[in-house]
N, C-alpha and C. Protein backbone atom coordinates (compact mmCIF):
# COMPACT_ATOMS: atom_id res chain seq x y z
N LEU A 1 -13.58 8.54 -20.26
CA LEU A 1 -12.82 7.77 -21.23
C LEU A 1 -12.56 6.40 -20.64
N GLN A 2 -13.11 5.38 -21.22
CA GLN A 2 -12.99 4.03 -20.69
C GLN A 2 -12.48 3.08 -21.78
N GLY A 3 -11.71 2.11 -21.33
CA GLY A 3 -11.25 1.09 -22.25
C GLY A 3 -11.21 -0.25 -21.56
N PHE A 4 -11.69 -1.29 -22.21
CA PHE A 4 -11.76 -2.62 -21.61
C PHE A 4 -11.22 -3.65 -22.61
N ALA A 5 -10.44 -4.59 -22.08
CA ALA A 5 -10.01 -5.71 -22.90
C ALA A 5 -11.13 -6.74 -22.98
N GLY A 6 -10.97 -7.69 -23.87
CA GLY A 6 -12.02 -8.68 -24.09
C GLY A 6 -12.19 -9.64 -22.92
N ARG A 7 -13.42 -10.09 -22.74
CA ARG A 7 -13.79 -11.03 -21.67
C ARG A 7 -13.85 -12.44 -22.24
N SER A 8 -13.39 -13.41 -21.43
CA SER A 8 -13.45 -14.80 -21.85
C SER A 8 -14.09 -15.63 -20.75
N THR A 9 -14.99 -16.54 -21.12
CA THR A 9 -15.64 -17.41 -20.14
C THR A 9 -14.94 -18.76 -20.01
N VAL A 10 -13.94 -19.03 -20.85
CA VAL A 10 -13.28 -20.34 -20.83
C VAL A 10 -11.76 -20.23 -20.74
N ASN A 11 -11.22 -19.04 -20.88
CA ASN A 11 -9.77 -18.90 -20.88
C ASN A 11 -9.40 -17.53 -20.32
N THR A 12 -8.14 -17.17 -20.41
CA THR A 12 -7.67 -15.90 -19.87
C THR A 12 -8.25 -14.73 -20.66
N GLY A 13 -8.66 -13.70 -19.93
CA GLY A 13 -9.18 -12.51 -20.57
C GLY A 13 -8.09 -11.77 -21.31
N GLY A 14 -8.49 -10.86 -22.15
CA GLY A 14 -7.54 -10.09 -22.94
C GLY A 14 -6.70 -9.15 -22.09
N ALA A 15 -5.49 -8.89 -22.53
CA ALA A 15 -4.55 -8.01 -21.82
C ALA A 15 -4.68 -6.58 -22.31
N VAL A 16 -4.29 -5.65 -21.45
CA VAL A 16 -4.18 -4.24 -21.81
C VAL A 16 -2.72 -3.86 -21.67
N SER A 17 -2.11 -3.41 -22.73
CA SER A 17 -0.69 -3.08 -22.73
C SER A 17 -0.52 -1.65 -23.20
N VAL A 18 0.22 -0.86 -22.41
CA VAL A 18 0.54 0.52 -22.78
C VAL A 18 2.05 0.66 -22.72
N ALA A 19 2.66 1.05 -23.79
CA ALA A 19 4.12 1.17 -23.85
C ALA A 19 4.49 2.46 -24.54
N SER A 20 5.54 3.10 -24.04
CA SER A 20 6.02 4.31 -24.70
C SER A 20 6.91 3.94 -25.89
N GLY A 21 7.25 4.93 -26.66
CA GLY A 21 8.07 4.69 -27.84
C GLY A 21 9.52 4.45 -27.49
N GLU A 22 10.13 3.55 -28.23
CA GLU A 22 11.53 3.23 -28.03
C GLU A 22 12.43 4.34 -28.56
N GLY A 23 13.47 4.65 -27.81
CA GLY A 23 14.51 5.56 -28.30
C GLY A 23 15.76 4.75 -28.58
N THR A 24 16.00 4.40 -29.81
CA THR A 24 17.11 3.50 -30.13
C THR A 24 18.47 4.14 -29.91
N VAL A 25 18.53 5.48 -29.90
CA VAL A 25 19.80 6.17 -29.68
C VAL A 25 19.79 6.91 -28.35
N THR A 26 18.67 7.55 -28.03
CA THR A 26 18.59 8.33 -26.79
C THR A 26 17.47 7.77 -25.90
N THR A 27 16.77 8.63 -25.22
CA THR A 27 15.81 8.25 -24.19
C THR A 27 14.50 7.77 -24.80
N SER A 28 13.92 6.74 -24.21
CA SER A 28 12.59 6.31 -24.62
C SER A 28 11.54 7.27 -24.05
N GLY A 29 10.34 7.20 -24.58
CA GLY A 29 9.30 8.14 -24.19
C GLY A 29 8.75 7.87 -22.79
N MET A 30 8.17 8.91 -22.21
CA MET A 30 7.55 8.81 -20.89
C MET A 30 6.11 8.34 -21.02
N ILE A 31 5.61 7.78 -19.91
CA ILE A 31 4.19 7.50 -19.75
C ILE A 31 3.72 8.24 -18.51
N ILE A 32 2.75 9.10 -18.65
CA ILE A 32 2.26 9.91 -17.54
C ILE A 32 0.80 9.55 -17.30
N LEU A 33 0.51 9.07 -16.10
CA LEU A 33 -0.86 8.82 -15.67
C LEU A 33 -1.14 9.72 -14.47
N ARG A 34 -2.04 10.63 -14.63
CA ARG A 34 -2.30 11.57 -13.54
C ARG A 34 -3.73 12.08 -13.65
N SER A 35 -4.27 12.46 -12.49
CA SER A 35 -5.54 13.17 -12.50
C SER A 35 -5.23 14.66 -12.51
N ILE A 36 -6.10 15.43 -13.09
CA ILE A 36 -5.85 16.86 -13.25
C ILE A 36 -6.23 17.58 -11.96
N ASN A 37 -5.73 18.79 -11.81
CA ASN A 37 -6.03 19.58 -10.62
C ASN A 37 -7.52 19.84 -10.49
N SER A 38 -7.96 19.93 -9.23
CA SER A 38 -9.38 20.19 -8.97
C SER A 38 -9.63 21.68 -8.86
N GLY A 39 -10.89 22.03 -8.79
CA GLY A 39 -11.28 23.40 -8.51
C GLY A 39 -11.17 23.71 -7.03
N ASP A 40 -11.53 24.94 -6.67
CA ASP A 40 -11.37 25.39 -5.28
C ASP A 40 -12.25 24.62 -4.31
N ALA A 41 -13.36 24.07 -4.76
CA ALA A 41 -14.31 23.43 -3.85
C ALA A 41 -14.27 21.91 -3.93
N GLY A 42 -13.26 21.33 -4.56
CA GLY A 42 -13.25 19.88 -4.71
C GLY A 42 -11.89 19.30 -4.41
N THR A 43 -11.76 18.01 -4.66
CA THR A 43 -10.50 17.30 -4.51
C THR A 43 -10.09 16.74 -5.87
N SER A 44 -8.81 16.60 -6.06
CA SER A 44 -8.36 16.02 -7.32
C SER A 44 -8.72 14.53 -7.36
N GLY A 45 -8.84 13.98 -8.54
CA GLY A 45 -9.29 12.60 -8.70
C GLY A 45 -8.27 11.58 -8.21
N MET A 46 -8.77 10.43 -7.80
CA MET A 46 -7.91 9.35 -7.35
C MET A 46 -7.26 8.64 -8.52
N LEU A 47 -6.13 8.00 -8.23
CA LEU A 47 -5.53 7.04 -9.14
C LEU A 47 -5.57 5.69 -8.44
N VAL A 48 -6.16 4.71 -9.08
CA VAL A 48 -6.34 3.38 -8.47
C VAL A 48 -5.59 2.36 -9.31
N PHE A 49 -4.63 1.69 -8.68
CA PHE A 49 -3.90 0.58 -9.31
C PHE A 49 -4.19 -0.66 -8.48
N SER A 50 -4.97 -1.56 -8.99
CA SER A 50 -5.43 -2.70 -8.20
C SER A 50 -5.68 -3.89 -9.10
N SER A 51 -5.37 -5.07 -8.57
CA SER A 51 -5.75 -6.29 -9.26
C SER A 51 -7.13 -6.73 -8.79
N GLY A 52 -7.81 -7.52 -9.60
CA GLY A 52 -9.14 -7.97 -9.25
C GLY A 52 -9.12 -9.06 -8.19
N SER A 53 -10.29 -9.32 -7.65
CA SER A 53 -10.45 -10.37 -6.65
C SER A 53 -10.69 -11.72 -7.33
N THR A 54 -10.53 -12.79 -6.56
CA THR A 54 -10.76 -14.14 -7.07
C THR A 54 -11.41 -14.99 -5.99
N SER A 55 -12.22 -15.95 -6.41
CA SER A 55 -12.96 -16.77 -5.44
C SER A 55 -12.29 -18.11 -5.18
N SER A 56 -11.36 -18.55 -6.03
CA SER A 56 -10.80 -19.90 -5.86
C SER A 56 -9.31 -19.97 -6.16
N GLY A 57 -8.61 -18.86 -6.20
CA GLY A 57 -7.18 -18.88 -6.48
C GLY A 57 -6.52 -17.62 -5.99
N ASN A 58 -5.30 -17.41 -6.43
CA ASN A 58 -4.57 -16.22 -6.03
C ASN A 58 -5.03 -15.01 -6.84
N SER A 59 -5.12 -13.89 -6.18
CA SER A 59 -5.40 -12.66 -6.92
C SER A 59 -4.13 -12.21 -7.63
N GLY A 60 -4.29 -11.34 -8.60
CA GLY A 60 -3.16 -10.90 -9.42
C GLY A 60 -2.18 -10.04 -8.63
N ALA A 61 -0.93 -10.11 -9.02
CA ALA A 61 0.12 -9.32 -8.37
C ALA A 61 0.12 -7.90 -8.92
N LEU A 62 0.66 -6.99 -8.13
CA LEU A 62 0.89 -5.62 -8.56
C LEU A 62 2.40 -5.40 -8.50
N VAL A 63 3.00 -5.23 -9.67
CA VAL A 63 4.46 -5.16 -9.77
C VAL A 63 4.84 -3.74 -10.16
N LEU A 64 5.68 -3.13 -9.35
CA LEU A 64 6.18 -1.79 -9.63
C LEU A 64 7.69 -1.85 -9.58
N GLY A 65 8.35 -1.61 -10.69
CA GLY A 65 9.79 -1.76 -10.72
C GLY A 65 10.42 -0.97 -11.84
N THR A 66 11.72 -0.84 -11.77
CA THR A 66 12.47 -0.17 -12.83
C THR A 66 13.34 -1.20 -13.54
N GLY A 67 13.77 -0.86 -14.73
CA GLY A 67 14.59 -1.76 -15.51
C GLY A 67 16.04 -1.78 -15.05
N THR A 68 16.76 -2.78 -15.53
CA THR A 68 18.17 -2.89 -15.22
C THR A 68 18.98 -1.95 -16.11
N ALA A 69 20.17 -1.61 -15.64
CA ALA A 69 21.08 -0.75 -16.40
C ALA A 69 22.45 -1.44 -16.45
N THR A 70 22.97 -1.60 -17.64
CA THR A 70 24.23 -2.34 -17.79
C THR A 70 25.45 -1.45 -17.56
N GLN A 71 25.36 -0.17 -17.89
CA GLN A 71 26.50 0.73 -17.74
C GLN A 71 26.12 2.02 -17.02
N GLY A 72 25.10 1.99 -16.22
CA GLY A 72 24.66 3.18 -15.49
C GLY A 72 23.92 2.77 -14.24
N ARG A 73 23.26 3.72 -13.64
CA ARG A 73 22.51 3.47 -12.43
C ARG A 73 21.07 3.13 -12.77
N SER A 74 20.55 2.12 -12.10
CA SER A 74 19.16 1.73 -12.36
C SER A 74 18.22 2.83 -11.89
N GLY A 75 17.02 2.82 -12.46
CA GLY A 75 16.06 3.88 -12.17
C GLY A 75 15.56 3.86 -10.74
N MET A 76 15.11 5.01 -10.28
CA MET A 76 14.63 5.19 -8.92
C MET A 76 13.12 5.01 -8.86
N ILE A 77 12.63 4.54 -7.71
CA ILE A 77 11.20 4.51 -7.42
C ILE A 77 10.95 5.52 -6.31
N LEU A 78 10.11 6.49 -6.57
CA LEU A 78 9.86 7.58 -5.64
C LEU A 78 8.38 7.65 -5.33
N LEU A 79 8.05 7.49 -4.05
CA LEU A 79 6.67 7.63 -3.59
C LEU A 79 6.61 8.85 -2.67
N THR A 80 5.88 9.85 -3.06
CA THR A 80 5.80 11.07 -2.26
C THR A 80 4.34 11.41 -1.98
N VAL A 81 4.12 12.09 -0.87
CA VAL A 81 2.80 12.57 -0.49
C VAL A 81 2.84 14.09 -0.50
N GLY A 82 1.87 14.70 -1.12
CA GLY A 82 1.84 16.16 -1.23
C GLY A 82 1.68 16.83 0.12
N SER A 83 2.17 18.05 0.21
CA SER A 83 2.06 18.82 1.44
C SER A 83 0.73 19.56 1.47
N GLY A 84 0.31 19.94 2.68
CA GLY A 84 -0.92 20.70 2.87
C GLY A 84 -0.62 21.93 3.71
N THR A 85 -1.38 23.00 3.46
CA THR A 85 -1.14 24.25 4.17
C THR A 85 -2.15 24.54 5.26
N SER A 86 -3.23 23.75 5.36
CA SER A 86 -4.26 24.07 6.35
C SER A 86 -4.64 22.87 7.22
N SER A 87 -3.97 21.73 7.07
CA SER A 87 -4.29 20.56 7.88
C SER A 87 -3.04 19.70 7.96
N VAL A 88 -3.18 18.50 8.56
CA VAL A 88 -2.04 17.63 8.69
C VAL A 88 -1.65 17.08 7.32
N GLY A 89 -0.37 16.70 7.18
CA GLY A 89 0.08 16.13 5.93
C GLY A 89 -0.52 14.77 5.69
N GLY A 90 -0.63 14.40 4.43
CA GLY A 90 -1.15 13.09 4.08
C GLY A 90 -0.21 11.98 4.52
N SER A 91 -0.76 10.81 4.76
CA SER A 91 0.03 9.68 5.24
C SER A 91 0.40 8.75 4.10
N LEU A 92 1.45 7.99 4.32
CA LEU A 92 1.90 6.96 3.39
C LEU A 92 1.85 5.64 4.14
N GLN A 93 0.97 4.74 3.71
CA GLN A 93 0.72 3.51 4.45
C GLN A 93 0.87 2.31 3.54
N GLY A 94 1.31 1.22 4.14
CA GLY A 94 1.41 -0.05 3.41
C GLY A 94 1.04 -1.19 4.33
N PHE A 95 0.23 -2.11 3.86
CA PHE A 95 -0.25 -3.22 4.66
C PHE A 95 -0.10 -4.53 3.88
N ALA A 96 0.40 -5.54 4.56
CA ALA A 96 0.44 -6.88 3.96
C ALA A 96 -0.94 -7.52 4.05
N GLY A 97 -1.13 -8.60 3.31
CA GLY A 97 -2.43 -9.25 3.24
C GLY A 97 -2.81 -9.94 4.54
N ARG A 98 -4.10 -9.96 4.82
CA ARG A 98 -4.68 -10.61 6.00
C ARG A 98 -5.16 -12.00 5.63
N SER A 99 -4.96 -12.95 6.53
CA SER A 99 -5.45 -14.31 6.31
C SER A 99 -6.25 -14.76 7.52
N THR A 100 -7.40 -15.38 7.27
CA THR A 100 -8.24 -15.89 8.35
C THR A 100 -7.94 -17.35 8.67
N VAL A 101 -7.12 -18.04 7.85
CA VAL A 101 -6.85 -19.46 8.06
C VAL A 101 -5.37 -19.79 8.12
N ASN A 102 -4.51 -18.83 7.82
CA ASN A 102 -3.08 -19.10 7.78
C ASN A 102 -2.32 -17.86 8.18
N THR A 103 -1.00 -17.90 8.04
CA THR A 103 -0.16 -16.76 8.42
C THR A 103 -0.41 -15.58 7.51
N GLY A 104 -0.47 -14.40 8.10
CA GLY A 104 -0.64 -13.18 7.32
C GLY A 104 0.58 -12.91 6.45
N GLY A 105 0.40 -12.05 5.49
CA GLY A 105 1.47 -11.71 4.56
C GLY A 105 2.62 -10.98 5.25
N ALA A 106 3.81 -11.16 4.74
CA ALA A 106 5.01 -10.53 5.30
C ALA A 106 5.29 -9.20 4.62
N VAL A 107 6.00 -8.34 5.33
CA VAL A 107 6.51 -7.09 4.77
C VAL A 107 8.03 -7.18 4.80
N SER A 108 8.66 -7.09 3.66
CA SER A 108 10.10 -7.23 3.57
C SER A 108 10.68 -6.00 2.87
N VAL A 109 11.67 -5.38 3.51
CA VAL A 109 12.37 -4.23 2.94
C VAL A 109 13.85 -4.56 2.95
N ALA A 110 14.49 -4.53 1.82
CA ALA A 110 15.90 -4.88 1.72
C ALA A 110 16.60 -3.86 0.83
N SER A 111 17.80 -3.51 1.21
CA SER A 111 18.59 -2.60 0.39
C SER A 111 19.23 -3.37 -0.77
N GLY A 112 19.77 -2.63 -1.70
CA GLY A 112 20.39 -3.26 -2.86
C GLY A 112 21.72 -3.89 -2.54
N GLU A 113 21.98 -5.02 -3.20
CA GLU A 113 23.23 -5.74 -2.99
C GLU A 113 24.37 -5.03 -3.70
N GLY A 114 25.51 -4.97 -3.05
CA GLY A 114 26.73 -4.50 -3.69
C GLY A 114 27.65 -5.69 -3.88
N THR A 115 27.68 -6.26 -5.06
CA THR A 115 28.43 -7.50 -5.27
C THR A 115 29.93 -7.29 -5.18
N VAL A 116 30.40 -6.05 -5.38
CA VAL A 116 31.83 -5.77 -5.29
C VAL A 116 32.14 -4.89 -4.09
N THR A 117 31.30 -3.90 -3.83
CA THR A 117 31.56 -2.98 -2.72
C THR A 117 30.41 -3.04 -1.71
N THR A 118 30.04 -1.93 -1.15
CA THR A 118 29.09 -1.86 -0.04
C THR A 118 27.66 -2.00 -0.53
N SER A 119 26.84 -2.71 0.24
CA SER A 119 25.41 -2.76 -0.05
C SER A 119 24.75 -1.46 0.39
N GLY A 120 23.55 -1.23 -0.07
CA GLY A 120 22.86 0.04 0.20
C GLY A 120 22.38 0.16 1.63
N MET A 121 22.19 1.40 2.06
CA MET A 121 21.68 1.69 3.39
C MET A 121 20.15 1.64 3.40
N ILE A 122 19.59 1.43 4.59
CA ILE A 122 18.16 1.61 4.84
C ILE A 122 18.04 2.64 5.96
N ILE A 123 17.36 3.73 5.69
CA ILE A 123 17.22 4.81 6.65
C ILE A 123 15.74 4.96 7.00
N LEU A 124 15.40 4.79 8.25
CA LEU A 124 14.05 5.02 8.76
C LEU A 124 14.15 6.14 9.79
N ARG A 125 13.55 7.26 9.50
CA ARG A 125 13.66 8.39 10.40
C ARG A 125 12.44 9.28 10.26
N SER A 126 12.11 9.98 11.32
CA SER A 126 11.11 11.03 11.23
C SER A 126 11.83 12.34 10.93
N ILE A 127 11.16 13.23 10.25
CA ILE A 127 11.79 14.46 9.81
C ILE A 127 11.77 15.47 10.95
N ASN A 128 12.61 16.46 10.85
CA ASN A 128 12.68 17.49 11.88
C ASN A 128 11.35 18.22 12.02
N SER A 129 11.06 18.66 13.25
CA SER A 129 9.81 19.38 13.50
C SER A 129 10.02 20.87 13.33
N GLY A 130 8.93 21.59 13.34
CA GLY A 130 8.99 23.04 13.38
C GLY A 130 9.28 23.55 14.78
N ASP A 131 9.33 24.87 14.94
CA ASP A 131 9.71 25.46 16.22
C ASP A 131 8.70 25.17 17.32
N ALA A 132 7.43 24.93 16.97
CA ALA A 132 6.40 24.78 17.99
C ALA A 132 5.95 23.33 18.17
N GLY A 133 6.71 22.38 17.65
CA GLY A 133 6.26 20.99 17.76
C GLY A 133 7.39 20.07 18.15
N THR A 134 7.11 18.79 18.12
CA THR A 134 8.10 17.76 18.38
C THR A 134 8.24 16.88 17.15
N SER A 135 9.40 16.32 16.96
CA SER A 135 9.58 15.42 15.82
C SER A 135 8.79 14.14 16.06
N GLY A 136 8.42 13.46 14.99
CA GLY A 136 7.57 12.28 15.09
C GLY A 136 8.27 11.10 15.73
N MET A 137 7.47 10.24 16.33
CA MET A 137 7.99 9.03 16.96
C MET A 137 8.33 7.98 15.92
N LEU A 138 9.21 7.08 16.29
CA LEU A 138 9.47 5.85 15.55
C LEU A 138 9.06 4.70 16.46
N VAL A 139 8.17 3.85 15.99
CA VAL A 139 7.65 2.75 16.80
C VAL A 139 8.00 1.43 16.12
N PHE A 140 8.74 0.59 16.82
CA PHE A 140 9.06 -0.76 16.35
C PHE A 140 8.46 -1.72 17.36
N SER A 141 7.42 -2.39 17.01
CA SER A 141 6.68 -3.21 17.97
C SER A 141 6.04 -4.39 17.27
N SER A 142 5.98 -5.51 17.95
CA SER A 142 5.22 -6.65 17.46
C SER A 142 3.80 -6.55 18.02
N GLY A 143 2.88 -7.21 17.35
CA GLY A 143 1.50 -7.17 17.78
C GLY A 143 1.25 -8.04 19.01
N SER A 144 0.11 -7.86 19.61
CA SER A 144 -0.29 -8.65 20.76
C SER A 144 -0.90 -9.97 20.32
N SER A 145 -1.00 -10.91 21.25
CA SER A 145 -1.56 -12.23 20.98
C SER A 145 -2.45 -12.64 22.13
N SER A 146 -3.59 -13.23 21.82
CA SER A 146 -4.54 -13.62 22.86
C SER A 146 -4.38 -15.07 23.30
N SER A 147 -3.72 -15.92 22.49
CA SER A 147 -3.63 -17.35 22.84
C SER A 147 -2.26 -17.94 22.56
N GLY A 148 -1.26 -17.13 22.33
CA GLY A 148 0.08 -17.64 22.06
C GLY A 148 1.12 -16.59 22.34
N ASN A 149 2.31 -16.83 21.86
CA ASN A 149 3.40 -15.89 22.07
C ASN A 149 3.27 -14.70 21.12
N SER A 150 3.60 -13.53 21.61
CA SER A 150 3.68 -12.38 20.71
C SER A 150 5.00 -12.46 19.94
N GLY A 151 5.08 -11.72 18.86
CA GLY A 151 6.25 -11.78 18.00
C GLY A 151 7.49 -11.19 18.66
N ALA A 152 8.64 -11.69 18.26
CA ALA A 152 9.90 -11.20 18.77
C ALA A 152 10.33 -9.94 18.02
N LEU A 153 11.17 -9.15 18.67
CA LEU A 153 11.80 -7.99 18.04
C LEU A 153 13.30 -8.25 18.04
N VAL A 154 13.86 -8.43 16.86
CA VAL A 154 15.26 -8.83 16.72
C VAL A 154 16.04 -7.67 16.12
N LEU A 155 17.10 -7.27 16.80
CA LEU A 155 17.97 -6.21 16.32
C LEU A 155 19.39 -6.77 16.33
N GLY A 156 19.99 -6.88 15.17
CA GLY A 156 21.31 -7.49 15.12
C GLY A 156 22.07 -7.07 13.88
N THR A 157 23.35 -7.39 13.87
CA THR A 157 24.20 -7.14 12.71
C THR A 157 24.63 -8.47 12.11
N GLY A 158 25.04 -8.42 10.86
CA GLY A 158 25.46 -9.63 10.18
C GLY A 158 26.86 -10.07 10.58
N THR A 159 27.18 -11.29 10.23
CA THR A 159 28.51 -11.83 10.50
C THR A 159 29.51 -11.30 9.47
N ALA A 160 30.78 -11.34 9.83
CA ALA A 160 31.86 -10.93 8.94
C ALA A 160 32.91 -12.02 8.93
N THR A 161 33.28 -12.50 7.75
CA THR A 161 34.22 -13.61 7.66
C THR A 161 35.67 -13.16 7.72
N SER A 162 35.97 -11.96 7.21
CA SER A 162 37.36 -11.51 7.22
C SER A 162 37.49 -10.07 7.69
N GLY A 163 36.53 -9.61 8.48
CA GLY A 163 36.56 -8.25 9.00
C GLY A 163 35.84 -8.18 10.31
N ARG A 164 35.52 -6.98 10.73
CA ARG A 164 34.85 -6.77 12.01
C ARG A 164 33.34 -6.72 11.78
N SER A 165 32.59 -7.39 12.63
CA SER A 165 31.14 -7.36 12.50
C SER A 165 30.61 -5.96 12.83
N GLY A 166 29.42 -5.68 12.36
CA GLY A 166 28.84 -4.35 12.51
C GLY A 166 28.51 -4.01 13.95
N MET A 167 28.44 -2.71 14.23
CA MET A 167 28.18 -2.19 15.56
C MET A 167 26.70 -1.91 15.73
N ILE A 168 26.21 -2.01 16.96
CA ILE A 168 24.86 -1.57 17.32
C ILE A 168 25.02 -0.37 18.24
N LEU A 169 24.45 0.75 17.87
CA LEU A 169 24.61 2.00 18.60
C LEU A 169 23.24 2.56 18.94
N LEU A 170 22.98 2.75 20.23
CA LEU A 170 21.74 3.37 20.70
C LEU A 170 22.12 4.68 21.38
N THR A 171 21.66 5.78 20.84
CA THR A 171 22.01 7.08 21.41
C THR A 171 20.73 7.88 21.68
N VAL A 172 20.83 8.79 22.64
CA VAL A 172 19.74 9.70 22.99
C VAL A 172 20.22 11.11 22.69
N GLY A 173 19.41 11.88 22.00
CA GLY A 173 19.79 13.23 21.63
C GLY A 173 19.91 14.14 22.84
N SER A 174 20.74 15.17 22.70
CA SER A 174 20.93 16.14 23.77
C SER A 174 19.88 17.24 23.69
N GLY A 175 19.65 17.91 24.81
CA GLY A 175 18.72 19.03 24.88
C GLY A 175 19.41 20.24 25.48
N THR A 176 19.00 21.43 25.07
CA THR A 176 19.65 22.65 25.53
C THR A 176 18.84 23.42 26.57
N SER A 177 17.59 23.03 26.82
CA SER A 177 16.77 23.81 27.76
C SER A 177 16.10 22.94 28.80
N SER A 178 16.39 21.64 28.85
CA SER A 178 15.77 20.76 29.84
C SER A 178 16.71 19.58 30.05
N VAL A 179 16.24 18.60 30.83
CA VAL A 179 17.07 17.43 31.10
C VAL A 179 17.21 16.61 29.83
N GLY A 180 18.30 15.86 29.75
CA GLY A 180 18.50 14.99 28.61
C GLY A 180 17.52 13.83 28.60
N GLY A 181 17.23 13.29 27.42
CA GLY A 181 16.33 12.16 27.31
C GLY A 181 16.92 10.91 27.94
N SER A 182 16.05 10.00 28.35
CA SER A 182 16.49 8.78 29.01
C SER A 182 16.48 7.61 28.04
N LEU A 183 17.24 6.59 28.38
CA LEU A 183 17.29 5.34 27.64
C LEU A 183 16.88 4.24 28.62
N GLN A 184 15.75 3.60 28.34
CA GLN A 184 15.17 2.66 29.28
C GLN A 184 14.93 1.31 28.61
N GLY A 185 15.02 0.26 29.41
CA GLY A 185 14.71 -1.07 28.94
C GLY A 185 14.01 -1.86 30.03
N PHE A 186 12.97 -2.57 29.69
CA PHE A 186 12.18 -3.30 30.68
C PHE A 186 11.92 -4.71 30.18
N ALA A 187 12.09 -5.67 31.06
CA ALA A 187 11.72 -7.04 30.76
C ALA A 187 10.21 -7.21 30.91
N GLY A 188 9.68 -8.33 30.42
CA GLY A 188 8.24 -8.56 30.46
C GLY A 188 7.70 -8.66 31.87
N ARG A 189 6.46 -8.25 32.04
CA ARG A 189 5.78 -8.28 33.35
C ARG A 189 4.95 -9.55 33.45
């Protein structure tokens, strides 16, 4: 099943718009895009969301967002990877754009603003391991450089105008059957 908008050689090509039905009193309709389950000897189909390439300008953006809510909580964005029973779990990866002539693209993650109360938390953690394994590592590192300075790693809290500034806490977990973990810091060699 294929569908294509119109092509133009002198102006913008035709748009493809898919919208669910409006619910003027209750909930609007859902839009479900999914590949169906595969058979025992295959894999389920991919879902590809991508903008096209361009030779002389910016490529198109990919925008994923939820609408605003005036008297409720705004919608959630949930990205999950399915579990596997016979191999390692699937990975969730994100990469900014590469540039051969200028600075590479940035990756920015920010919590939601609380204009009256507290802003949202950002939690980066590896999940607990099973009985026969170790929990996953967390790696915060800048890349290497062959002809200049490598990037800095900045860990800090914001300023407070009428209260106490935030705390920085580095802790090492305890162990019940061996020595406790160490906390080490080394300057450059």
